[in-house]
Protein backbone atom coordinates (compact mmCIF):
# COMPACT_ATOMS: atom_id res chain seq x y z
CA MET A 1 -10.01 1.00 21.06
CA ASN A 2 -7.75 -1.04 18.81
CA THR A 3 -4.78 -2.86 20.30
CA ASP A 4 -1.65 -3.85 18.39
CA VAL A 5 -0.98 -7.46 19.40
CA ALA A 6 2.37 -8.02 17.67
CA GLU A 7 4.43 -6.81 14.75
CA TRP A 8 6.87 -8.36 12.33
CA ALA A 9 9.56 -6.40 10.51
CA LEU A 10 9.71 -7.44 6.87
CA GLU A 11 12.32 -6.86 4.21
CA GLY A 12 12.27 -3.44 2.61
CA ASP A 13 11.52 -1.54 5.82
CA ARG A 14 7.95 -2.86 6.02
CA LEU A 15 5.84 -3.81 9.01
CA LEU A 16 3.15 -6.45 9.27
CA ARG A 17 1.00 -5.95 12.36
CA LEU A 18 -1.71 -8.02 13.97
CA VAL A 19 -4.37 -5.86 15.58
CA ARG A 20 -7.33 -6.75 17.75
CA GLY A 21 -10.14 -4.30 17.27
CA ASP A 22 -12.55 -2.55 14.99
CA LEU A 23 -11.47 -2.18 11.35
CA THR A 24 -13.59 0.98 11.01
CA GLN A 25 -11.38 2.72 13.61
CA GLU A 26 -8.11 2.12 11.80
CA LYS A 27 -6.21 5.34 10.99
CA VAL A 28 -4.49 4.18 7.81
CA ASP A 29 -4.54 5.22 4.16
CA ALA A 30 -7.12 2.51 3.34
CA ILE A 31 -9.08 -0.29 4.89
CA VAL A 32 -10.18 -3.39 3.00
CA ASN A 33 -13.87 -4.19 2.99
CA ALA A 34 -14.88 -7.85 2.78
CA ALA A 35 -17.47 -7.11 0.11
CA ASN A 36 -19.88 -8.95 -2.14
CA ALA A 37 -19.72 -8.59 -5.93
CA GLN A 38 -22.64 -6.12 -6.02
CA LEU A 39 -21.12 -3.89 -3.30
CA ALA A 40 -24.37 -4.10 -1.34
CA HIS A 41 -23.03 -3.28 2.13
CA GLY A 42 -25.71 -4.77 4.36
CA SER A 43 -24.13 -6.97 7.01
CA GLY A 44 -20.86 -8.13 8.51
CA VAL A 45 -17.73 -6.03 7.92
CA ALA A 46 -19.33 -4.32 4.90
CA GLY A 47 -22.37 -3.27 6.91
CA ALA A 48 -20.22 -1.89 9.71
CA ILE A 49 -18.12 0.11 7.24
CA ALA A 50 -21.22 1.55 5.55
CA ARG A 51 -22.86 2.46 8.87
CA ARG A 52 -19.76 4.11 10.32
CA GLY A 53 -18.66 5.76 7.09
CA GLY A 54 -22.05 7.14 6.12
CA ARG A 55 -24.14 7.12 2.97
CA ALA A 56 -21.29 8.30 0.73
CA ILE A 57 -19.65 4.86 0.75
CA GLN A 58 -22.76 3.05 -0.49
CA GLU A 59 -23.47 5.81 -3.02
CA GLU A 60 -19.92 5.62 -4.43
CA SER A 61 -20.15 1.82 -4.45
CA ASP A 62 -23.43 1.92 -6.40
CA ALA A 63 -21.84 4.29 -8.92
CA TRP A 64 -18.80 2.03 -9.25
CA VAL A 65 -20.99 -1.01 -10.04
CA ARG A 66 -23.05 1.02 -12.54
CA ASP A 67 -19.86 2.11 -14.31
CA HIS A 68 -17.81 -1.10 -14.10
CA GLY A 69 -20.16 -4.00 -13.35
CA ARG A 70 -19.79 -6.56 -10.60
CA VAL A 71 -16.55 -6.66 -8.63
CA THR A 72 -14.38 -9.74 -9.20
CA HIS A 73 -12.10 -11.57 -6.79
CA ASP A 74 -8.92 -10.26 -8.41
CA ARG A 75 -10.02 -6.71 -9.22
CA PRO A 76 -11.44 -4.82 -6.22
CA ALA A 77 -13.26 -1.50 -6.28
CA ILE A 78 -11.99 1.55 -4.43
CA THR A 79 -14.11 4.36 -2.99
CA GLY A 80 -13.70 7.23 -0.61
CA ALA A 81 -14.05 6.49 3.08
CA GLY A 82 -16.85 8.89 4.00
CA GLU A 83 -16.63 9.67 7.72
CA LEU A 84 -14.12 6.91 8.54
CA PRO A 85 -10.64 7.90 9.79
CA CYS A 86 -8.97 6.41 6.70
CA ARG A 87 -8.82 7.94 3.20
CA PHE A 88 -10.14 5.06 1.07
CA VAL A 89 -12.04 1.79 1.24
CA ILE A 90 -10.84 -1.01 -1.03
CA HIS A 91 -13.77 -3.38 -1.63
CA ALA A 92 -12.36 -6.90 -2.09
CA VAL A 93 -14.65 -9.82 -2.89
CA GLY A 94 -13.70 -12.97 -1.04
CA PRO A 95 -15.11 -16.39 -1.83
CA VAL A 96 -18.09 -18.07 -0.22
CA TRP A 97 -17.00 -21.35 1.34
CA GLY A 98 -18.19 -24.26 -0.80
CA GLU A 99 -18.26 -22.45 -4.17
CA GLY A 100 -15.00 -24.07 -5.32
CA GLU A 101 -11.42 -22.83 -5.71
CA GLU A 102 -11.79 -20.90 -2.46
CA ASP A 103 -8.06 -20.68 -1.67
CA SER A 104 -7.12 -19.17 -5.03
CA LYS A 105 -10.08 -16.77 -4.93
CA LEU A 106 -9.15 -15.57 -1.44
CA ALA A 107 -5.50 -15.13 -2.47
CA ALA A 108 -6.67 -13.15 -5.52
CA ALA A 109 -8.87 -10.91 -3.32
CA VAL A 110 -6.01 -10.12 -0.94
CA GLY A 111 -3.52 -9.69 -3.80
CA GLY A 112 -5.96 -7.44 -5.65
CA ALA A 113 -6.41 -5.24 -2.57
CA LEU A 114 -2.66 -4.90 -2.12
CA ALA A 115 -2.22 -4.10 -5.83
CA ALA A 116 -4.97 -1.44 -5.63
CA ALA A 117 -3.13 0.14 -2.68
CA ASP A 118 0.05 0.23 -4.76
CA GLU A 119 -1.80 1.71 -7.76
CA HIS A 120 -2.96 4.57 -5.52
CA HIS A 121 0.51 4.96 -3.90
CA LEU A 122 -0.80 4.18 -0.41
CA SER A 123 1.62 3.46 2.42
CA SER A 124 -0.67 1.85 5.03
CA LEU A 125 -3.50 -0.64 4.78
CA ALA A 126 -5.68 -2.57 7.25
CA LEU A 127 -7.57 -5.68 6.25
CA PRO A 128 -9.92 -8.08 8.04
CA ALA A 129 -10.03 -11.88 7.96
CA ILE A 130 -11.80 -11.79 4.58
CA SER A 131 -14.50 -14.45 4.04
CA THR A 132 -14.31 -15.91 7.57
CA GLY A 133 -17.59 -14.35 8.71
CA VAL A 134 -20.85 -14.83 6.85
CA PHE A 135 -18.99 -16.37 3.87
CA GLY A 136 -17.95 -19.32 6.09
CA PHE A 137 -14.25 -19.70 5.18
CA PRO A 138 -12.47 -21.67 7.98
CA LYS A 139 -10.30 -19.26 9.96
CA GLN A 140 -7.12 -21.35 10.08
CA ARG A 141 -7.19 -21.96 6.35
CA ALA A 142 -7.96 -18.28 5.67
CA ALA A 143 -5.05 -17.19 7.88
CA ASP A 144 -2.69 -19.38 5.84
CA VAL A 145 -3.96 -17.93 2.54
CA ILE A 146 -4.13 -14.29 3.70
CA VAL A 147 -0.67 -14.24 5.29
CA GLY A 148 0.76 -16.08 2.27
CA ALA A 149 -0.78 -13.55 -0.12
CA ILE A 150 0.64 -10.60 1.83
CA LEU A 151 4.14 -12.08 2.00
CA GLY A 152 3.93 -13.10 -1.67
CA HIS A 153 2.95 -9.58 -2.69
CA PHE A 154 5.98 -8.09 -0.96
CA ARG A 155 8.26 -10.78 -2.37
CA ASP A 156 7.01 -10.16 -5.92
CA HIS A 157 6.66 -6.36 -5.70
CA ALA A 158 9.84 -4.98 -4.15
CA GLY A 159 8.80 -1.47 -5.18
CA SER A 160 5.45 -1.62 -3.37
CA SER A 161 4.40 1.69 -1.86
CA LEU A 162 3.01 -0.13 1.19
CA ARG A 163 5.09 0.25 4.34
CA GLN A 164 2.59 -1.13 6.85
CA VAL A 165 -0.10 -3.78 6.56
CA ARG A 166 -2.36 -4.38 9.53
CA ILE A 167 -4.42 -7.55 9.86
CA THR A 168 -7.28 -6.26 12.01
CA VAL A 169 -9.59 -8.81 13.60
CA LEU A 170 -12.30 -8.36 16.20
CA ASP A 171 -12.45 -11.61 18.15
CA GLU A 172 -9.90 -13.41 20.29
CA SER A 173 -10.16 -16.68 18.34
CA SER A 174 -9.11 -14.86 15.14
CA VAL A 175 -6.26 -13.17 16.99
CA LEU A 176 -5.02 -16.59 18.13
CA VAL A 177 -5.29 -18.18 14.68
CA PHE A 178 -3.48 -15.32 12.94
CA SER A 179 -0.84 -15.13 15.72
CA GLU A 180 -0.06 -18.80 15.25
CA GLU A 181 0.09 -18.51 11.45
CA LEU A 182 2.32 -15.44 11.53
CA ALA A 183 4.64 -17.06 14.10
CA ARG A 184 4.80 -20.24 12.00
CA ARG A 185 5.91 -18.28 8.93
CA LEU A 186 7.89 -15.41 10.44
CA GLY A 187 8.86 -16.46 13.97
CA PRO A 188 7.61 -14.77 17.12
CA GLY A 189 6.46 -11.22 16.61
CA ALA A 190 7.53 -8.31 18.76
CA PRO A 191 4.79 -7.93 21.40
CA ARG A 192 2.82 -4.69 21.25
CA ARG A 193 0.58 -5.04 24.34
């Protein structure tokens, strides 16, 4: 079961929530998959999404790549969610640590996912700590980039359809890192325990 850790009220009647739990259980309009450019959902977050959501997600992903080519950092793919409790999966490609320009690529992946949600008029979105798993991005640095990209999107897109963004992480160390980063930027969040 997912647990809301804390929430922050943002300008424009928006909420930013930190959640400890399983991204595939989030009941939102869309979840963000930490994908690779080929949308081959074999391990990590992508593998969990494909297993829980069923074959339809991989099939739609394969069709997307056939039609559009590899997914880029700034332009994610979007598919249905199969058997997941959300409506869509936005497949964002984060950087592999050590490939160069990691911060800007991660910011582009998060910004692209938020823009895709706006393009589809979605009001709620949950995203993981993109690139901090098998891609090796340091968690503290990723938290800084991810939170900055979310806040920047809302600052630059006052008409965004998004009303709630949930940063959903599985492990306690990620909860701590994101809690500290959010508190540093926004002050203490309202506890949700």
